[in-house]
């Protein structure tokens, strides 16, 4: 009698969990890309010959963008 209702609840819970996992995986990918970008900025900014214009661009991207 309640089997159909329980199956629907199980399916809904499973769908929610799958959607949540997909969202978290997407967020992880986004953060990994951001981390890679920031690592590149740090590496480039450590160069003594790094132009001031580039430093301003990085500053704008990191702190304002």
PDB file of N, CA and C in Angstrom:
ATOM      1  N   UNK A   1       0.824  -1.196   0.000  1.00  0.00           N
ATOM      2  CA  UNK A   1       0.000   0.000   0.000  1.00  0.00           C
ATOM      3  C   UNK A   1       0.868   1.261   0.000  1.00  0.00           C
ATOM      4  N   UNK A   2       1.866   1.299   0.863  1.00  0.00           N
ATOM      5  CA  UNK A   2       2.748   2.464   0.926  1.00  0.00           C
ATOM      6  C   UNK A   2       3.994   2.293   0.059  1.00  0.00           C
ATOM      7  N   UNK A   3       4.103   1.197  -0.612  1.00  0.00           N
ATOM      8  CA  UNK A   3       5.288   0.902  -1.408  1.00  0.00           C
ATOM      9  C   UNK A   3       5.496   1.939  -2.498  1.00  0.00           C
ATOM     10  N   UNK A   4       4.449   2.299  -3.202  1.00  0.00           N
ATOM     11  CA  UNK A   4       4.566   3.294  -4.273  1.00  0.00           C
ATOM     12  C   UNK A   4       5.024   4.636  -3.711  1.00  0.00           C
ATOM     13  N   UNK A   5       4.468   5.042  -2.591  1.00  0.00           N
ATOM     14  CA  UNK A   5       4.842   6.306  -1.966  1.00  0.00           C
ATOM     15  C   UNK A   5       6.301   6.254  -1.507  1.00  0.00           C
ATOM     16  N   UNK A   6       6.716   5.144  -0.924  1.00  0.00           N
ATOM     17  CA  UNK A   6       8.095   5.002  -0.476  1.00  0.00           C
ATOM     18  C   UNK A   6       9.067   5.009  -1.662  1.00  0.00           C
ATOM     19  N   UNK A   7       8.654   4.378  -2.753  1.00  0.00           N
ATOM     20  CA  UNK A   7       9.495   4.374  -3.945  1.00  0.00           C
ATOM     21  C   UNK A   7       9.673   5.791  -4.487  1.00  0.00           C
ATOM     22  N   UNK A   8       8.586   6.557  -4.483  1.00  0.00           N
ATOM     23  CA  UNK A   8       8.667   7.950  -4.937  1.00  0.00           C
ATOM     24  C   UNK A   8       9.575   8.777  -4.034  1.00  0.00           C
ATOM     25  N   UNK A   9       9.453   8.571  -2.729  1.00  0.00           N
ATOM     26  CA  UNK A   9      10.298   9.289  -1.778  1.00  0.00           C
ATOM     27  C   UNK A   9      11.764   8.891  -1.968  1.00  0.00           C
ATOM     28  N   UNK A  10      12.011   7.624  -2.179  1.00  0.00           N
ATOM     29  CA  UNK A  10      13.377   7.145  -2.396  1.00  0.00           C
ATOM     30  C   UNK A  10      13.940   7.738  -3.683  1.00  0.00           C
ATOM     31  N   UNK A  11      13.110   7.751  -4.724  1.00  0.00           N
ATOM     32  CA  UNK A  11      13.550   8.328  -5.998  1.00  0.00           C
ATOM     33  C   UNK A  11      13.839   9.823  -5.843  1.00  0.00           C
ATOM     34  N   UNK A  12      12.969  10.543  -5.135  1.00  0.00           N
ATOM     35  CA  UNK A  12      13.167  11.972  -4.906  1.00  0.00           C
ATOM     36  C   UNK A  12      14.446  12.223  -4.121  1.00  0.00           C
ATOM     37  N   UNK A  13      14.673  11.424  -3.097  1.00  0.00           N
ATOM     38  CA  UNK A  13      15.879  11.574  -2.285  1.00  0.00           C
ATOM     39  C   UNK A  13      17.119  11.277  -3.118  1.00  0.00           C
ATOM     40  N   UNK A  14      17.066  10.234  -3.912  1.00  0.00           N
ATOM     41  CA  UNK A  14      18.181   9.872  -4.773  1.00  0.00           C
ATOM     42  C   UNK A  14      18.443  10.978  -5.794  1.00  0.00           C
ATOM     43  N   UNK A  15      17.397  11.510  -6.392  1.00  0.00           N
ATOM     44  CA  UNK A  15      17.544  12.599  -7.363  1.00  0.00           C
ATOM     45  C   UNK A  15      18.161  13.829  -6.705  1.00  0.00           C
ATOM     46  N   UNK A  16      17.714  14.137  -5.498  1.00  0.00           N
ATOM     47  CA  UNK A  16      18.267  15.276  -4.766  1.00  0.00           C
ATOM     48  C   UNK A  16      19.751  15.062  -4.487  1.00  0.00           C
ATOM     49  N   UNK A  17      20.087  13.867  -4.004  1.00  0.00           N
ATOM     50  CA  UNK A  17      21.488  13.564  -3.687  1.00  0.00           C
ATOM     51  C   UNK A  17      22.361  13.645  -4.941  1.00  0.00           C
ATOM     52  N   UNK A  18      21.879  13.126  -6.053  1.00  0.00           N
ATOM     53  CA  UNK A  18      22.633  13.182  -7.302  1.00  0.00           C
ATOM     54  C   UNK A  18      22.831  14.627  -7.759  1.00  0.00           C
ATOM     55  N   UNK A  19      21.792  15.424  -7.656  1.00  0.00           N
ATOM     56  CA  UNK A  19      21.888  16.833  -8.043  1.00  0.00           C
ATOM     57  C   UNK A  19      22.871  17.571  -7.140  1.00  0.00           C
ATOM     58  N   UNK A  20      22.831  17.248  -5.865  1.00  0.00           N
ATOM     59  CA  UNK A  20      23.739  17.881  -4.903  1.00  0.00           C
ATOM     60  C   UNK A  20      25.191  17.513  -5.197  1.00  0.00           C
ATOM     61  N   UNK A  21      25.425  16.252  -5.504  1.00  0.00           N
ATOM     62  CA  UNK A  21      26.776  15.795  -5.846  1.00  0.00           C
ATOM     63  C   UNK A  21      27.262  16.503  -7.101  1.00  0.00           C
ATOM     64  N   UNK A  22      26.412  16.603  -8.107  1.00  0.00           N
ATOM     65  CA  UNK A  22      26.790  17.295  -9.349  1.00  0.00           C
ATOM     66  C   UNK A  22      27.123  18.763  -9.076  1.00  0.00           C
ATOM     67  N   UNK A  23      26.340  19.401  -8.228  1.00  0.00           N
ATOM     68  CA  UNK A  23      26.596  20.804  -7.892  1.00  0.00           C
ATOM     69  C   UNK A  23      27.926  20.945  -7.154  1.00  0.00           C
ATOM     70  N   UNK A  24      28.202  20.042  -6.244  1.00  0.00           N
ATOM     71  CA  UNK A  24      29.451  20.098  -5.499  1.00  0.00           C
ATOM     72  C   UNK A  24      30.648  19.829  -6.405  1.00  0.00           C
ATOM     73  N   UNK A  25      30.520  18.877  -7.313  1.00  0.00           N
ATOM     74  CA  UNK A  25      31.603  18.596  -8.256  1.00  0.00           C
ATOM     75  C   UNK A  25      31.869  19.807  -9.152  1.00  0.00           C
ATOM     76  N   UNK A  26      30.803  20.466  -9.551  1.00  0.00           N
ATOM     77  CA  UNK A  26      30.948  21.669 -10.368  1.00  0.00           C
ATOM     78  C   UNK A  26      31.667  22.767  -9.580  1.00  0.00           C
ATOM     79  N   UNK A  27      31.314  22.909  -8.329  1.00  0.00           N
ATOM     80  CA  UNK A  27      31.953  23.925  -7.468  1.00  0.00           C
ATOM     81  C   UNK A  27      33.426  23.599  -7.256  1.00  0.00           C
ATOM     82  N   UNK A  28      33.737  22.334  -7.066  1.00  0.00           N
ATOM     83  CA  UNK A  28      35.132  21.914  -6.905  1.00  0.00           C
ATOM     84  C   UNK A  28      35.929  22.284  -8.151  1.00  0.00           C
ATOM     85  N   UNK A  29      35.366  21.998  -9.314  1.00  0.00           N
ATOM     86  CA  UNK A  29      36.052  22.325 -10.567  1.00  0.00           C
ATOM     87  C   UNK A  29      36.285  23.837 -10.673  1.00  0.00           C
ATOM     88  N   UNK A  30      35.270  24.604 -10.328  1.00  0.00           N
ATOM     89  CA  UNK A  30      35.374  26.065 -10.369  1.00  0.00           C
ATOM     90  C   UNK A  30      36.486  26.557  -9.440  1.00  0.00           C
ATOM     91  N   UNK A  31      36.537  26.008  -8.229  1.00  0.00           N
ATOM     92  CA  UNK A  31      37.556  26.432  -7.263  1.00  0.00           C
ATOM     93  C   UNK A  31      38.952  25.984  -7.672  1.00  0.00           C
ATOM     94  N   UNK A  32      39.065  24.814  -8.276  1.00  0.00           N
ATOM     95  CA  UNK A  32      40.365  24.350  -8.757  1.00  0.00           C
ATOM     96  C   UNK A  32      40.892  25.248  -9.870  1.00  0.00           C
ATOM     97  N   UNK A  33      40.005  25.679 -10.766  1.00  0.00           N
ATOM     98  CA  UNK A  33      40.414  26.599 -11.831  1.00  0.00           C
ATOM     99  C   UNK A  33      40.841  27.949 -11.260  1.00  0.00           C
ATOM    100  N   UNK A  34      40.102  28.418 -10.266  1.00  0.00           N
ATOM    101  CA  UNK A  34      40.461  29.688  -9.625  1.00  0.00           C
ATOM    102  C   UNK A  34      41.805  29.567  -8.922  1.00  0.00           C
ATOM    103  N   UNK A  35      42.029  28.442  -8.255  1.00  0.00           N
ATOM    104  CA  UNK A  35      43.295  28.207  -7.576  1.00  0.00           C
ATOM    105  C   UNK A  35      44.456  28.194  -8.574  1.00  0.00           C
ATOM    106  N   UNK A  36      44.246  27.550  -9.701  1.00  0.00           N
ATOM    107  CA  UNK A  36      45.277  27.502 -10.740  1.00  0.00           C
ATOM    108  C   UNK A  36      45.595  28.904 -11.263  1.00  0.00           C
ATOM    109  N   UNK A  37      44.559  29.689 -11.467  1.00  0.00           N
ATOM    110  CA  UNK A  37      44.728  31.058 -11.949  1.00  0.00           C
ATOM    111  C   UNK A  37      45.510  31.900 -10.940  1.00  0.00           C
ATOM    112  N   UNK A  38      45.151  31.778  -9.656  1.00  0.00           N
ATOM    113  CA  UNK A  38      45.843  32.545  -8.620  1.00  0.00           C
ATOM    114  C   UNK A  38      47.289  32.098  -8.466  1.00  0.00           C
ATOM    115  N   UNK A  39      47.529  30.801  -8.597  1.00  0.00           N
ATOM    116  CA  UNK A  39      48.894  30.288  -8.537  1.00  0.00           C
ATOM    117  C   UNK A  39      49.731  30.879  -9.665  1.00  0.00           C
ATOM    118  N   UNK A  40      49.142  30.960 -10.846  1.00  0.00           N
ATOM    119  CA  UNK A  40      49.846  31.556 -11.985  1.00  0.00           C
ATOM    120  C   UNK A  40      50.149  33.029 -11.715  1.00  0.00           C
ATOM    121  N   UNK A  41      49.173  33.746 -11.176  1.00  0.00           N
ATOM    122  CA  UNK A  41      49.400  35.153 -10.837  1.00  0.00           C
ATOM    123  C   UNK A  41      50.564  35.298  -9.861  1.00  0.00           C
ATOM    124  N   UNK A  42      50.575  34.486  -8.818  1.00  0.00           N
ATOM    125  CA  UNK A  42      51.644  34.571  -7.817  1.00  0.00           C
ATOM    126  C   UNK A  42      52.996  34.336  -8.473  1.00  0.00           C
ATOM    127  N   UNK A  43      53.059  33.307  -9.286  1.00  0.00           N
ATOM    128  CA  UNK A  43      54.309  32.987  -9.977  1.00  0.00           C
ATOM    129  C   UNK A  43      54.774  34.168 -10.834  1.00  0.00           C
ATOM    130  N   UNK A  44      53.853  34.744 -11.598  1.00  0.00           N
ATOM    131  CA  UNK A  44      54.213  35.852 -12.478  1.00  0.00           C
ATOM    132  C   UNK A  44      54.575  37.116 -11.700  1.00  0.00           C
ATOM    133  N   UNK A  45      53.893  37.356 -10.596  1.00  0.00           N
ATOM    134  CA  UNK A  45      54.168  38.555  -9.802  1.00  0.00           C
ATOM    135  C   UNK A  45      55.501  38.472  -9.067  1.00  0.00           C
ATOM    136  N   UNK A  46      56.003  37.266  -8.875  1.00  0.00           N
ATOM    137  CA  UNK A  46      57.304  37.091  -8.223  1.00  0.00           C
ATOM    138  C   UNK A  46      58.468  37.467  -9.137  1.00  0.00           C
ATOM    139  N   UNK A  47      58.199  37.592 -10.407  1.00  0.00           N
ATOM    140  CA  UNK A  47      59.232  37.990 -11.367  1.00  0.00           C
ATOM    141  C   UNK A  47      59.588  39.457 -11.120  1.00  0.00           C
ATOM    142  N   UNK A  48      60.854  39.730 -10.934  1.00  0.00           N
ATOM    143  CA  UNK A  48      61.292  41.111 -10.656  1.00  0.00           C
ATOM    144  C   UNK A  48      60.985  42.059 -11.809  1.00  0.00           C
ATOM    145  N   UNK A  49      60.868  41.513 -13.009  1.00  0.00           N
ATOM    146  CA  UNK A  49      60.600  42.344 -14.180  1.00  0.00           C
ATOM    147  C   UNK A  49      59.113  42.441 -14.512  1.00  0.00           C
ATOM    148  N   UNK A  50      58.273  42.047 -13.594  1.00  0.00           N
ATOM    149  CA  UNK A  50      56.829  42.093 -13.825  1.00  0.00           C
ATOM    150  C   UNK A  50      56.389  43.563 -13.965  1.00  0.00           C
ATOM    151  N   UNK A  51      55.770  43.905 -15.083  1.00  0.00           N
ATOM    152  CA  UNK A  51      55.356  45.302 -15.314  1.00  0.00           C
ATOM    153  C   UNK A  51      54.271  45.762 -14.333  1.00  0.00           C
ATOM    154  N   UNK A  52      54.327  47.016 -13.991  1.00  0.00           N
ATOM    155  CA  UNK A  52      53.342  47.607 -13.074  1.00  0.00           C
ATOM    156  C   UNK A  52      51.929  47.524 -13.650  1.00  0.00           C
ATOM    157  N   UNK A  53      51.809  47.670 -14.960  1.00  0.00           N
ATOM    158  CA  UNK A  53      50.490  47.569 -15.586  1.00  0.00           C
ATOM    159  C   UNK A  53      49.879  46.184 -15.352  1.00  0.00           C
ATOM    160  N   UNK A  54      50.705  45.158 -15.467  1.00  0.00           N
ATOM    161  CA  UNK A  54      50.220  43.791 -15.235  1.00  0.00           C
ATOM    162  C   UNK A  54      49.808  43.624 -13.775  1.00  0.00           C
ATOM    163  N   UNK A  55      50.578  44.203 -12.861  1.00  0.00           N
ATOM    164  CA  UNK A  55      50.231  44.130 -11.437  1.00  0.00           C
ATOM    165  C   UNK A  55      48.869  44.765 -11.175  1.00  0.00           C
ATOM    166  N   UNK A  56      48.601  45.888 -11.851  1.00  0.00           N
ATOM    167  CA  UNK A  56      47.300  46.549 -11.685  1.00  0.00           C
ATOM    168  C   UNK A  56      46.166  45.673 -12.225  1.00  0.00           C
ATOM    169  N   UNK A  57      46.423  45.022 -13.360  1.00  0.00           N
ATOM    170  CA  UNK A  57      45.412  44.129 -13.943  1.00  0.00           C
ATOM    171  C   UNK A  57      45.110  42.975 -12.993  1.00  0.00           C
ATOM    172  N   UNK A  58      46.160  42.380 -12.448  1.00  0.00           N
ATOM    173  CA  UNK A  58      45.980  41.259 -11.517  1.00  0.00           C
ATOM    174  C   UNK A  58      45.226  41.732 -10.285  1.00  0.00           C
ATOM    175  N   UNK A  59      45.630  42.864  -9.748  1.00  0.00           N
ATOM    176  CA  UNK A  59      44.955  43.410  -8.564  1.00  0.00           C
ATOM    177  C   UNK A  59      43.472  43.631  -8.836  1.00  0.00           C
ATOM    178  N   UNK A  60      43.169  44.179  -9.979  1.00  0.00           N
ATOM    179  CA  UNK A  60      41.761  44.396 -10.336  1.00  0.00           C
ATOM    180  C   UNK A  60      41.004  43.092 -10.479  1.00  0.00           C
ATOM    181  N   UNK A  61      41.630  42.122 -11.088  1.00  0.00           N
ATOM    182  CA  UNK A  61      40.970  40.827 -11.287  1.00  0.00           C
ATOM    183  C   UNK A  61      40.753  40.092  -9.966  1.00  0.00           C
ATOM    184  N   UNK A  62      41.747  40.130  -9.094  1.00  0.00           N
ATOM    185  CA  UNK A  62      41.663  39.385  -7.831  1.00  0.00           C
ATOM    186  C   UNK A  62      40.743  40.066  -6.824  1.00  0.00           C
ATOM    187  N   UNK A  63      40.899  41.369  -6.673  1.00  0.00           N
ATOM    188  CA  UNK A  63      40.184  42.060  -5.600  1.00  0.00           C
ATOM    189  C   UNK A  63      38.873  42.717  -6.024  1.00  0.00           C
ATOM    190  N   UNK A  64      38.704  42.938  -7.316  1.00  0.00           N
ATOM    191  CA  UNK A  64      37.482  43.604  -7.774  1.00  0.00           C
ATOM    192  C   UNK A  64      36.638  42.716  -8.664  1.00  0.00           C
ATOM    193  N   UNK A  65      37.274  41.721  -9.265  1.00  0.00           N
ATOM    194  CA  UNK A  65      36.568  40.921 -10.256  1.00  0.00           C
ATOM    195  C   UNK A  65      36.005  39.677  -9.741  1.00  0.00           C
TER     196      UNK A  65
END
